[in-house]
Amino acid sequence: MTLEVERTGEHAFVGRNERGAEVRLGRKGAEGAFSPAELLQIAVAGCNAVTAEELITRRIGEDAKFRVGVSADRREGASELDAVHVAFDVDVSTLAADQREALAGA
């Protein structure tokens, strides 16, 4: 087993990996849990953050902090997402204009 999702109650689940990490899943609005669509969006944001980390820290510095926001479009009553939008929030104030452009282009 690499990953699993276990039902723990009505509309309540726990996802686990073999390293002991857990995430609570439930319906949209469930206290302390991610809905599956929210978890998918978090995964997209996380993939972008991990992929861009070296690029950003190489240009801004090892202590660079940044945030990746994510949102999605979904038609009323639909289960699937139509689009996922990702936006980086990076403090580039220490970079010259040409360095900012190069980072944005990368």
PDB file of N, CA and C in Angstrom:
ATOM      1  N   MET A   1       0.843  -1.180   0.000  1.00  0.00           N
ATOM      2  CA  MET A   1       0.000   0.000   0.000  1.00  0.00           C
ATOM      3  C   MET A   1       0.892   1.249   0.000  1.00  0.00           C
ATOM      4  N   THR A   2       0.623   2.159  -0.915  1.00  0.00           N
ATOM      5  CA  THR A   2       1.338   3.416  -0.942  1.00  0.00           C
ATOM      6  C   THR A   2       0.458   4.523  -0.387  1.00  0.00           C
ATOM      7  N   LEU A   3      -0.754   4.607  -0.881  1.00  0.00           N
ATOM      8  CA  LEU A   3      -1.737   5.589  -0.421  1.00  0.00           C
ATOM      9  C   LEU A   3      -3.055   4.884  -0.165  1.00  0.00           C
ATOM     10  N   GLU A   4      -3.831   5.427   0.791  1.00  0.00           N
ATOM     11  CA  GLU A   4      -5.150   4.851   1.046  1.00  0.00           C
ATOM     12  C   GLU A   4      -6.084   5.933   1.572  1.00  0.00           C
ATOM     13  N   VAL A   5      -7.364   5.707   1.397  1.00  0.00           N
ATOM     14  CA  VAL A   5      -8.401   6.546   1.984  1.00  0.00           C
ATOM     15  C   VAL A   5      -9.339   5.613   2.739  1.00  0.00           C
ATOM     16  N   GLU A   6      -9.550   5.906   4.017  1.00  0.00           N
ATOM     17  CA  GLU A   6     -10.396   5.084   4.874  1.00  0.00           C
ATOM     18  C   GLU A   6     -11.605   5.881   5.319  1.00  0.00           C
ATOM     19  N   ARG A   7     -12.768   5.268   5.241  1.00  0.00           N
ATOM     20  CA  ARG A   7     -13.995   5.895   5.748  1.00  0.00           C
ATOM     21  C   ARG A   7     -13.984   5.800   7.264  1.00  0.00           C
ATOM     22  N   THR A   8     -14.177   6.962   7.926  1.00  0.00           N
ATOM     23  CA  THR A   8     -14.158   7.006   9.388  1.00  0.00           C
ATOM     24  C   THR A   8     -15.514   7.386   9.978  1.00  0.00           C
ATOM     25  N   GLY A   9     -16.460   7.740   9.145  1.00  0.00           N
ATOM     26  CA  GLY A   9     -17.790   8.123   9.585  1.00  0.00           C
ATOM     27  C   GLY A   9     -18.596   8.611   8.387  1.00  0.00           C
ATOM     28  N   GLU A  10     -19.796   9.105   8.649  1.00  0.00           N
ATOM     29  CA  GLU A  10     -20.635   9.594   7.559  1.00  0.00           C
ATOM     30  C   GLU A  10     -19.985  10.801   6.897  1.00  0.00           C
ATOM     31  N   HIS A  11     -19.701  10.669   5.615  1.00  0.00           N
ATOM     32  CA  HIS A  11     -19.059  11.719   4.823  1.00  0.00           C
ATOM     33  C   HIS A  11     -17.704  12.132   5.414  1.00  0.00           C
ATOM     34  N   ALA A  12     -17.039  11.231   6.127  1.00  0.00           N
ATOM     35  CA  ALA A  12     -15.752  11.524   6.753  1.00  0.00           C
ATOM     36  C   ALA A  12     -14.739  10.445   6.364  1.00  0.00           C
ATOM     37  N   PHE A  13     -13.552  10.897   5.938  1.00  0.00           N
ATOM     38  CA  PHE A  13     -12.520   9.993   5.471  1.00  0.00           C
ATOM     39  C   PHE A  13     -11.161  10.510   5.920  1.00  0.00           C
ATOM     40  N   VAL A  14     -10.179   9.615   5.965  1.00  0.00           N
ATOM     41  CA  VAL A  14      -8.796   9.986   6.242  1.00  0.00           C
ATOM     42  C   VAL A  14      -7.934   9.393   5.138  1.00  0.00           C
ATOM     43  N   GLY A  15      -7.127  10.243   4.506  1.00  0.00           N
ATOM     44  CA  GLY A  15      -6.164   9.782   3.521  1.00  0.00           C
ATOM     45  C   GLY A  15      -4.816   9.632   4.199  1.00  0.00           C
ATOM     46  N   ARG A  16      -4.091   8.561   3.863  1.00  0.00           N
ATOM     47  CA  ARG A  16      -2.793   8.294   4.500  1.00  0.00           C
ATOM     48  C   ARG A  16      -1.759   7.869   3.461  1.00  0.00           C
ATOM     49  N   ASN A  17      -0.511   8.151   3.788  1.00  0.00           N
ATOM     50  CA  ASN A  17       0.585   7.576   3.014  1.00  0.00           C
ATOM     51  C   ASN A  17       1.377   6.663   3.928  1.00  0.00           C
ATOM     52  N   GLU A  18       2.320   5.930   3.364  1.00  0.00           N
ATOM     53  CA  GLU A  18       3.073   4.947   4.150  1.00  0.00           C
ATOM     54  C   GLU A  18       4.089   5.577   5.089  1.00  0.00           C
ATOM     55  N   ARG A  19       4.269   6.908   5.002  1.00  0.00           N
ATOM     56  CA  ARG A  19       5.193   7.606   5.905  1.00  0.00           C
ATOM     57  C   ARG A  19       4.491   8.149   7.139  1.00  0.00           C
ATOM     58  N   GLY A  20       3.195   7.892   7.267  1.00  0.00           N
ATOM     59  CA  GLY A  20       2.462   8.304   8.455  1.00  0.00           C
ATOM     60  C   GLY A  20       1.726   9.625   8.341  1.00  0.00           C
ATOM     61  N   ALA A  21       1.783  10.269   7.188  1.00  0.00           N
ATOM     62  CA  ALA A  21       1.058  11.533   7.007  1.00  0.00           C
ATOM     63  C   ALA A  21      -0.427  11.246   6.798  1.00  0.00           C
ATOM     64  N   GLU A  22      -1.253  12.137   7.312  1.00  0.00           N
ATOM     65  CA  GLU A  22      -2.699  11.986   7.181  1.00  0.00           C
ATOM     66  C   GLU A  22      -3.341  13.313   6.794  1.00  0.00           C
ATOM     67  N   VAL A  23      -4.458  13.211   6.081  1.00  0.00           N
ATOM     68  CA  VAL A  23      -5.254  14.373   5.725  1.00  0.00           C
ATOM     69  C   VAL A  23      -6.731  13.966   5.841  1.00  0.00           C
ATOM     70  N   ARG A  24      -7.509  14.838   6.481  1.00  0.00           N
ATOM     71  CA  ARG A  24      -8.932  14.567   6.640  1.00  0.00           C
ATOM     72  C   ARG A  24      -9.687  15.059   5.420  1.00  0.00           C
ATOM     73  N   LEU A  25     -10.606  14.236   4.946  1.00  0.00           N
ATOM     74  CA  LEU A  25     -11.435  14.560   3.789  1.00  0.00           C
ATOM     75  C   LEU A  25     -12.899  14.493   4.177  1.00  0.00           C
ATOM     76  N   GLY A  26     -13.674  15.352   3.555  1.00  0.00           N
ATOM     77  CA  GLY A  26     -15.114  15.339   3.781  1.00  0.00           C
ATOM     78  C   GLY A  26     -15.808  16.159   2.720  1.00  0.00           C
ATOM     79  N   ARG A  27     -17.059  16.397   2.942  1.00  0.00           N
ATOM     80  CA  ARG A  27     -17.800  17.234   2.010  1.00  0.00           C
ATOM     81  C   ARG A  27     -17.417  18.692   2.186  1.00  0.00           C
ATOM     82  N   LYS A  28     -17.690  19.485   1.166  1.00  0.00           N
ATOM     83  CA  LYS A  28     -17.399  20.921   1.232  1.00  0.00           C
ATOM     84  C   LYS A  28     -18.030  21.507   2.490  1.00  0.00           C
ATOM     85  N   GLY A  29     -17.237  22.261   3.247  1.00  0.00           N
ATOM     86  CA  GLY A  29     -17.724  22.892   4.461  1.00  0.00           C
ATOM     87  C   GLY A  29     -17.534  22.063   5.720  1.00  0.00           C
ATOM     88  N   ALA A  30     -17.064  20.825   5.598  1.00  0.00           N
ATOM     89  CA  ALA A  30     -16.849  19.982   6.777  1.00  0.00           C
ATOM     90  C   ALA A  30     -15.712  20.565   7.615  1.00  0.00           C
ATOM     91  N   GLU A  31     -15.968  20.743   8.882  1.00  0.00           N
ATOM     92  CA  GLU A  31     -14.996  21.331   9.809  1.00  0.00           C
ATOM     93  C   GLU A  31     -13.733  20.470   9.885  1.00  0.00           C
ATOM     94  N   GLY A  32     -12.568  21.110   9.728  1.00  0.00           N
ATOM     95  CA  GLY A  32     -11.295  20.428   9.885  1.00  0.00           C
ATOM     96  C   GLY A  32     -10.931  19.459   8.776  1.00  0.00           C
ATOM     97  N   ALA A  33     -11.617  19.536   7.646  1.00  0.00           N
ATOM     98  CA  ALA A  33     -11.360  18.603   6.555  1.00  0.00           C
ATOM     99  C   ALA A  33     -11.315  19.338   5.221  1.00  0.00           C
ATOM    100  N   PHE A  34     -10.612  18.759   4.268  1.00  0.00           N
ATOM    101  CA  PHE A  34     -10.614  19.249   2.900  1.00  0.00           C
ATOM    102  C   PHE A  34     -11.669  18.488   2.118  1.00  0.00           C
ATOM    103  N   SER A  35     -12.368  19.171   1.233  1.00  0.00           N
ATOM    104  CA  SER A  35     -13.197  18.453   0.267  1.00  0.00           C
ATOM    105  C   SER A  35     -12.251  17.890  -0.793  1.00  0.00           C
ATOM    106  N   PRO A  36     -12.665  16.883  -1.540  1.00  0.00           N
ATOM    107  CA  PRO A  36     -11.790  16.360  -2.593  1.00  0.00           C
ATOM    108  C   PRO A  36     -11.359  17.446  -3.593  1.00  0.00           C
ATOM    109  N   ALA A  37     -12.252  18.346  -3.962  1.00  0.00           N
ATOM    110  CA  ALA A  37     -11.893  19.421  -4.905  1.00  0.00           C
ATOM    111  C   ALA A  37     -10.873  20.372  -4.287  1.00  0.00           C
ATOM    112  N   GLU A  38     -11.013  20.680  -3.000  1.00  0.00           N
ATOM    113  CA  GLU A  38     -10.024  21.529  -2.320  1.00  0.00           C
ATOM    114  C   GLU A  38      -8.669  20.830  -2.261  1.00  0.00           C
ATOM    115  N   LEU A  39      -8.686  19.541  -1.975  1.00  0.00           N
ATOM    116  CA  LEU A  39      -7.443  18.785  -1.895  1.00  0.00           C
ATOM    117  C   LEU A  39      -6.747  18.744  -3.254  1.00  0.00           C
ATOM    118  N   LEU A  40      -7.517  18.607  -4.312  1.00  0.00           N
ATOM    119  CA  LEU A  40      -6.944  18.641  -5.661  1.00  0.00           C
ATOM    120  C   LEU A  40      -6.285  19.988  -5.927  1.00  0.00           C
ATOM    121  N   GLN A  41      -6.952  21.065  -5.535  1.00  0.00           N
ATOM    122  CA  GLN A  41      -6.391  22.400  -5.737  1.00  0.00           C
ATOM    123  C   GLN A  41      -5.131  22.613  -4.904  1.00  0.00           C
ATOM    124  N   ILE A  42      -5.131  22.137  -3.664  1.00  0.00           N
ATOM    125  CA  ILE A  42      -3.941  22.224  -2.816  1.00  0.00           C
ATOM    126  C   ILE A  42      -2.788  21.446  -3.456  1.00  0.00           C
ATOM    127  N   ALA A  43      -3.088  20.288  -4.028  1.00  0.00           N
ATOM    128  CA  ALA A  43      -2.050  19.504  -4.699  1.00  0.00           C
ATOM    129  C   ALA A  43      -1.470  20.267  -5.887  1.00  0.00           C
ATOM    130  N   VAL A  44      -2.316  20.927  -6.663  1.00  0.00           N
ATOM    131  CA  VAL A  44      -1.833  21.720  -7.802  1.00  0.00           C
ATOM    132  C   VAL A  44      -0.940  22.855  -7.302  1.00  0.00           C
ATOM    133  N   ALA A  45      -1.375  23.569  -6.271  1.00  0.00           N
ATOM    134  CA  ALA A  45      -0.569  24.655  -5.708  1.00  0.00           C
ATOM    135  C   ALA A  45       0.741  24.111  -5.156  1.00  0.00           C
ATOM    136  N   GLY A  46       0.686  22.977  -4.473  1.00  0.00           N
ATOM    137  CA  GLY A  46       1.892  22.368  -3.922  1.00  0.00           C
ATOM    138  C   GLY A  46       2.869  21.942  -4.999  1.00  0.00           C
ATOM    139  N   CYS A  47       2.375  21.360  -6.075  1.00  0.00           N
ATOM    140  CA  CYS A  47       3.247  20.974  -7.194  1.00  0.00           C
ATOM    141  C   CYS A  47       3.947  22.196  -7.775  1.00  0.00           C
ATOM    142  N   ASN A  48       3.196  23.282  -7.942  1.00  0.00           N
ATOM    143  CA  ASN A  48       3.785  24.514  -8.466  1.00  0.00           C
ATOM    144  C   ASN A  48       4.828  25.074  -7.510  1.00  0.00           C
ATOM    145  N   ALA A  49       4.541  25.065  -6.215  1.00  0.00           N
ATOM    146  CA  ALA A  49       5.471  25.596  -5.216  1.00  0.00           C
ATOM    147  C   ALA A  49       6.769  24.800  -5.188  1.00  0.00           C
ATOM    148  N   VAL A  50       6.655  23.478  -5.162  1.00  0.00           N
ATOM    149  CA  VAL A  50       7.837  22.627  -5.113  1.00  0.00           C
ATOM    150  C   VAL A  50       8.666  22.776  -6.389  1.00  0.00           C
ATOM    151  N   THR A  51       7.995  22.872  -7.519  1.00  0.00           N
ATOM    152  CA  THR A  51       8.686  23.014  -8.800  1.00  0.00           C
ATOM    153  C   THR A  51       9.421  24.344  -8.893  1.00  0.00           C
ATOM    154  N   ALA A  52       8.801  25.420  -8.402  1.00  0.00           N
ATOM    155  CA  ALA A  52       9.380  26.764  -8.537  1.00  0.00           C
ATOM    156  C   ALA A  52      10.343  27.136  -7.411  1.00  0.00           C
ATOM    157  N   GLU A  53      10.372  26.372  -6.334  1.00  0.00           N
ATOM    158  CA  GLU A  53      11.165  26.748  -5.159  1.00  0.00           C
ATOM    159  C   GLU A  53      12.628  27.034  -5.497  1.00  0.00           C
ATOM    160  N   GLU A  54      13.287  26.127  -6.186  1.00  0.00           N
ATOM    161  CA  GLU A  54      14.714  26.318  -6.488  1.00  0.00           C
ATOM    162  C   GLU A  54      14.923  27.552  -7.364  1.00  0.00           C
ATOM    163  N   LEU A  55      14.079  27.736  -8.351  1.00  0.00           N
ATOM    164  CA  LEU A  55      14.174  28.895  -9.235  1.00  0.00           C
ATOM    165  C   LEU A  55      14.047  30.201  -8.441  1.00  0.00           C
ATOM    166  N   ILE A  56      13.070  30.260  -7.552  1.00  0.00           N
ATOM    167  CA  ILE A  56      12.831  31.475  -6.768  1.00  0.00           C
ATOM    168  C   ILE A  56      13.956  31.710  -5.767  1.00  0.00           C
ATOM    169  N   THR A  57      14.352  30.688  -5.027  1.00  0.00           N
ATOM    170  CA  THR A  57      15.392  30.882  -4.008  1.00  0.00           C
ATOM    171  C   THR A  57      16.746  31.187  -4.638  1.00  0.00           C
ATOM    172  N   ARG A  58      16.997  30.658  -5.819  1.00  0.00           N
ATOM    173  CA  ARG A  58      18.259  30.948  -6.506  1.00  0.00           C
ATOM    174  C   ARG A  58      18.337  32.433  -6.882  1.00  0.00           C
ATOM    175  N   ARG A  59      17.206  33.030  -7.207  1.00  0.00           N
ATOM    176  CA  ARG A  59      17.208  34.427  -7.645  1.00  0.00           C
ATOM    177  C   ARG A  59      17.004  35.420  -6.496  1.00  0.00           C
ATOM    178  N   ILE A  60      16.241  35.031  -5.484  1.00  0.00           N
ATOM    179  CA  ILE A  60      15.903  35.959  -4.396  1.00  0.00           C
ATOM    180  C   ILE A  60      16.719  35.690  -3.144  1.00  0.00           C
ATOM    181  N   GLY A  61      17.069  34.444  -2.907  1.00  0.00           N
ATOM    182  CA  GLY A  61      17.836  34.076  -1.723  1.00  0.00           C
ATOM    183  C   GLY A  61      17.216  32.870  -1.041  1.00  0.00           C
ATOM    184  N   GLU A  62      18.074  32.139  -0.328  1.00  0.00           N
ATOM    185  CA  GLU A  62      17.638  30.904   0.325  1.00  0.00           C
ATOM    186  C   GLU A  62      16.511  31.110   1.337  1.00  0.00           C
ATOM    187  N   ASP A  63      16.418  32.309   1.916  1.00  0.00           N
ATOM    188  CA  ASP A  63      15.380  32.571   2.914  1.00  0.00           C
ATOM    189  C   ASP A  63      14.110  33.146   2.290  1.00  0.00           C
ATOM    190  N   ALA A  64      14.012  33.112   0.956  1.00  0.00           N
ATOM    191  CA  ALA A  64      12.836  33.670   0.268  1.00  0.00           C
ATOM    192  C   ALA A  64      11.561  32.964   0.717  1.00  0.00           C
ATOM    193  N   LYS A  65      10.576  33.756   1.003  1.00  0.00           N
ATOM    194  CA  LYS A  65       9.256  33.229   1.345  1.00  0.00           C
ATOM    195  C   LYS A  65       8.325  33.579   0.195  1.00  0.00           C
ATOM    196  N   PHE A  66       7.453  32.658  -0.134  1.00  0.00           N
ATOM    197  CA  PHE A  66       6.457  32.940  -1.161  1.00  0.00           C
ATOM    198  C   PHE A  66       5.203  32.130  -0.880  1.00  0.00           C
ATOM    199  N   ARG A  67       4.147  32.534  -1.514  1.00  0.00           N
ATOM    200  CA  ARG A  67       2.844  31.900  -1.326  1.00  0.00           C
ATOM    201  C   ARG A  67       2.276  31.586  -2.701  1.00  0.00           C
ATOM    202  N   VAL A  68       1.601  30.461  -2.796  1.00  0.00           N
ATOM    203  CA  VAL A  68       0.937  30.077  -4.035  1.00  0.00           C
ATOM    204  C   VAL A  68      -0.552  29.982  -3.742  1.00  0.00           C
ATOM    205  N   GLY A  69      -1.317  30.865  -4.376  1.00  0.00           N
ATOM    206  CA  GLY A  69      -2.770  30.841  -4.229  1.00  0.00           C
ATOM    207  C   GLY A  69      -3.382  30.021  -5.344  1.00  0.00           C
ATOM    208  N   VAL A  70      -4.508  29.421  -5.061  1.00  0.00           N
ATOM    209  CA  VAL A  70      -5.169  28.586  -6.061  1.00  0.00           C
ATOM    210  C   VAL A  70      -6.679  28.740  -5.923  1.00  0.00           C
ATOM    211  N   SER A  71      -7.358  28.766  -7.052  1.00  0.00           N
ATOM    212  CA  SER A  71      -8.815  28.797  -7.078  1.00  0.00           C
ATOM    213  C   SER A  71      -9.281  27.977  -8.270  1.00  0.00           C
ATOM    214  N   ALA A  72     -10.566  27.712  -8.320  1.00  0.00           N
ATOM    215  CA  ALA A  72     -11.076  26.885  -9.418  1.00  0.00           C
ATOM    216  C   ALA A  72     -12.426  27.400  -9.880  1.00  0.00           C
ATOM    217  N   ASP A  73     -12.711  27.126 -11.135  1.00  0.00           N
ATOM    218  CA  ASP A  73     -14.027  27.405 -11.707  1.00  0.00           C
ATOM    219  C   ASP A  73     -14.806  26.106 -11.738  1.00  0.00           C
ATOM    220  N   ARG A  74     -16.067  26.195 -11.315  1.00  0.00           N
ATOM    221  CA  ARG A  74     -16.939  25.024 -11.338  1.00  0.00           C
ATOM    222  C   ARG A  74     -18.345  25.490 -11.655  1.00  0.00           C
ATOM    223  N   ARG A  75     -18.975  24.822 -12.584  1.00  0.00           N
ATOM    224  CA  ARG A  75     -20.364  25.146 -12.906  1.00  0.00           C
ATOM    225  C   ARG A  75     -21.279  24.749 -11.750  1.00  0.00           C
ATOM    226  N   GLU A  76     -22.324  25.507 -11.557  1.00  0.00           N
ATOM    227  CA  GLU A  76     -23.302  25.243 -10.491  1.00  0.00           C
ATOM    228  C   GLU A  76     -23.792  23.802 -10.563  1.00  0.00           C
ATOM    229  N   GLY A  77     -23.654  23.081  -9.473  1.00  0.00           N
ATOM    230  CA  GLY A  77     -24.138  21.708  -9.386  1.00  0.00           C
ATOM    231  C   GLY A  77     -23.221  20.665  -9.995  1.00  0.00           C
ATOM    232  N   ALA A  78     -22.125  21.070 -10.612  1.00  0.00           N
ATOM    233  CA  ALA A  78     -21.208  20.117 -11.238  1.00  0.00           C
ATOM    234  C   ALA A  78     -20.239  19.534 -10.212  1.00  0.00           C
ATOM    235  N   SER A  79     -19.816  18.318 -10.444  1.00  0.00           N
ATOM    236  CA  SER A  79     -18.827  17.683  -9.566  1.00  0.00           C
ATOM    237  C   SER A  79     -17.408  18.012  -9.998  1.00  0.00           C
ATOM    238  N   GLU A  80     -17.212  18.176 -11.296  1.00  0.00           N
ATOM    239  CA  GLU A  80     -15.860  18.396 -11.797  1.00  0.00           C
ATOM    240  C   GLU A  80     -15.518  19.881 -11.844  1.00  0.00           C
ATOM    241  N   LEU A  81     -14.231  20.154 -11.830  1.00  0.00           N
ATOM    242  CA  LEU A  81     -13.732  21.524 -11.955  1.00  0.00           C
ATOM    243  C   LEU A  81     -13.508  21.824 -13.438  1.00  0.00           C
ATOM    244  N   ASP A  82     -13.863  23.028 -13.852  1.00  0.00           N
ATOM    245  CA  ASP A  82     -13.665  23.430 -15.245  1.00  0.00           C
ATOM    246  C   ASP A  82     -12.257  23.971 -15.478  1.00  0.00           C
ATOM    247  N   ALA A  83     -11.694  24.639 -14.498  1.00  0.00           N
ATOM    248  CA  ALA A  83     -10.354  25.218 -14.617  1.00  0.00           C
ATOM    249  C   ALA A  83      -9.789  25.435 -13.225  1.00  0.00           C
ATOM    250  N   VAL A  84      -8.467  25.362 -13.127  1.00  0.00           N
ATOM    251  CA  VAL A  84      -7.764  25.646 -11.877  1.00  0.00           C
ATOM    252  C   VAL A  84      -6.796  26.790 -12.167  1.00  0.00           C
ATOM    253  N   HIS A  85      -6.832  27.824 -11.324  1.00  0.00           N
ATOM    254  CA  HIS A  85      -6.006  29.017 -11.507  1.00  0.00           C
ATOM    255  C   HIS A  85      -4.975  29.097 -10.382  1.00  0.00           C
ATOM    256  N   VAL A  86      -3.712  29.303 -10.749  1.00  0.00           N
ATOM    257  CA  VAL A  86      -2.607  29.363  -9.802  1.00  0.00           C
ATOM    258  C   VAL A  86      -1.955  30.736  -9.893  1.00  0.00           C
ATOM    259  N   ALA A  87      -1.668  31.345  -8.729  1.00  0.00           N
ATOM    260  CA  ALA A  87      -1.002  32.651  -8.704  1.00  0.00           C
ATOM    261  C   ALA A  87       0.081  32.638  -7.625  1.00  0.00           C
ATOM    262  N   PHE A  88       1.270  33.102  -8.000  1.00  0.00           N
ATOM    263  CA  PHE A  88       2.378  33.198  -7.054  1.00  0.00           C
ATOM    264  C   PHE A  88       2.404  34.588  -6.434  1.00  0.00           C
ATOM    265  N   ASP A  89       2.685  34.645  -5.138  1.00  0.00           N
ATOM    266  CA  ASP A  89       2.886  35.903  -4.420  1.00  0.00           C
ATOM    267  C   ASP A  89       4.328  35.868  -3.909  1.00  0.00           C
ATOM    268  N   VAL A  90       5.205  36.587  -4.615  1.00  0.00           N
ATOM    269  CA  VAL A  90       6.628  36.579  -4.311  1.00  0.00           C
ATOM    270  C   VAL A  90       7.094  38.021  -4.154  1.00  0.00           C
ATOM    271  N   ASP A  91       7.816  38.301  -3.068  1.00  0.00           N
ATOM    272  CA  ASP A  91       8.381  39.637  -2.863  1.00  0.00           C
ATOM    273  C   ASP A  91       9.629  39.765  -3.723  1.00  0.00           C
ATOM    274  N   VAL A  92       9.531  40.536  -4.787  1.00  0.00           N
ATOM    275  CA  VAL A  92      10.649  40.726  -5.705  1.00  0.00           C
ATOM    276  C   VAL A  92      11.258  42.122  -5.566  1.00  0.00           C
ATOM    277  N   SER A  93      11.003  42.785  -4.445  1.00  0.00           N
ATOM    278  CA  SER A  93      11.448  44.163  -4.260  1.00  0.00           C
ATOM    279  C   SER A  93      12.972  44.305  -4.241  1.00  0.00           C
ATOM    280  N   THR A  94      13.694  43.241  -3.961  1.00  0.00           N
ATOM    281  CA  THR A  94      15.152  43.322  -3.931  1.00  0.00           C
ATOM    282  C   THR A  94      15.777  43.132  -5.310  1.00  0.00           C
ATOM    283  N   LEU A  95      14.959  42.810  -6.312  1.00  0.00           N
ATOM    284  CA  LEU A  95      15.471  42.555  -7.657  1.00  0.00           C
ATOM    285  C   LEU A  95      15.369  43.794  -8.533  1.00  0.00           C
ATOM    286  N   ALA A  96      16.297  43.927  -9.460  1.00  0.00           N
ATOM    287  CA  ALA A  96      16.235  44.980 -10.470  1.00  0.00           C
ATOM    288  C   ALA A  96      15.135  44.623 -11.465  1.00  0.00           C
ATOM    289  N   ALA A  97      14.680  45.609 -12.227  1.00  0.00           N
ATOM    290  CA  ALA A  97      13.579  45.413 -13.169  1.00  0.00           C
ATOM    291  C   ALA A  97      13.850  44.269 -14.144  1.00  0.00           C
ATOM    292  N   ASP A  98      15.064  44.192 -14.684  1.00  0.00           N
ATOM    293  CA  ASP A  98      15.374  43.125 -15.645  1.00  0.00           C
ATOM    294  C   ASP A  98      15.383  41.752 -14.969  1.00  0.00           C
ATOM    295  N   GLN A  99      15.784  41.703 -13.688  1.00  0.00           N
ATOM    296  CA  GLN A  99      15.763  40.445 -12.944  1.00  0.00           C
ATOM    297  C   GLN A  99      14.323  40.014 -12.664  1.00  0.00           C
ATOM    298  N   ARG A 100      13.450  40.972 -12.382  1.00  0.00           N
ATOM    299  CA  ARG A 100      12.027  40.681 -12.159  1.00  0.00           C
ATOM    300  C   ARG A 100      11.417  40.070 -13.424  1.00  0.00           C
ATOM    301  N   GLU A 101      11.722  40.694 -14.556  1.00  0.00           N
ATOM    302  CA  GLU A 101      11.199  40.201 -15.832  1.00  0.00           C
ATOM    303  C   GLU A 101      11.703  38.793 -16.122  1.00  0.00           C
ATOM    304  N   ALA A 102      12.973  38.548 -15.856  1.00  0.00           N
ATOM    305  CA  ALA A 102      13.553  37.227 -16.091  1.00  0.00           C
ATOM    306  C   ALA A 102      12.884  36.170 -15.202  1.00  0.00           C
ATOM    307  N   LEU A 103      12.636  36.517 -13.938  1.00  0.00           N
ATOM    308  CA  LEU A 103      11.975  35.585 -13.029  1.00  0.00           C
ATOM    309  C   LEU A 103      10.550  35.317 -13.481  1.00  0.00           C
ATOM    310  N   ALA A 104       9.826  36.353 -13.864  1.00  0.00           N
ATOM    311  CA  ALA A 104       8.448  36.175 -14.328  1.00  0.00           C
ATOM    312  C   ALA A 104       8.410  35.316 -15.589  1.00  0.00           C
ATOM    313  N   GLY A 105       9.377  35.513 -16.468  1.00  0.00           N
ATOM    314  CA  GLY A 105       9.432  34.723 -17.691  1.00  0.00           C
ATOM    315  C   GLY A 105       9.770  33.263 -17.457  1.00  0.00           C
ATOM    316  N   ALA A 106      10.571  33.032 -16.439  1.00  0.00           N
ATOM    317  CA  ALA A 106      10.985  31.647 -16.131  1.00  0.00           C
ATOM    318  C   ALA A 106       9.822  30.893 -15.522  1.00  0.00           C
TER     319      ALA A 106
END
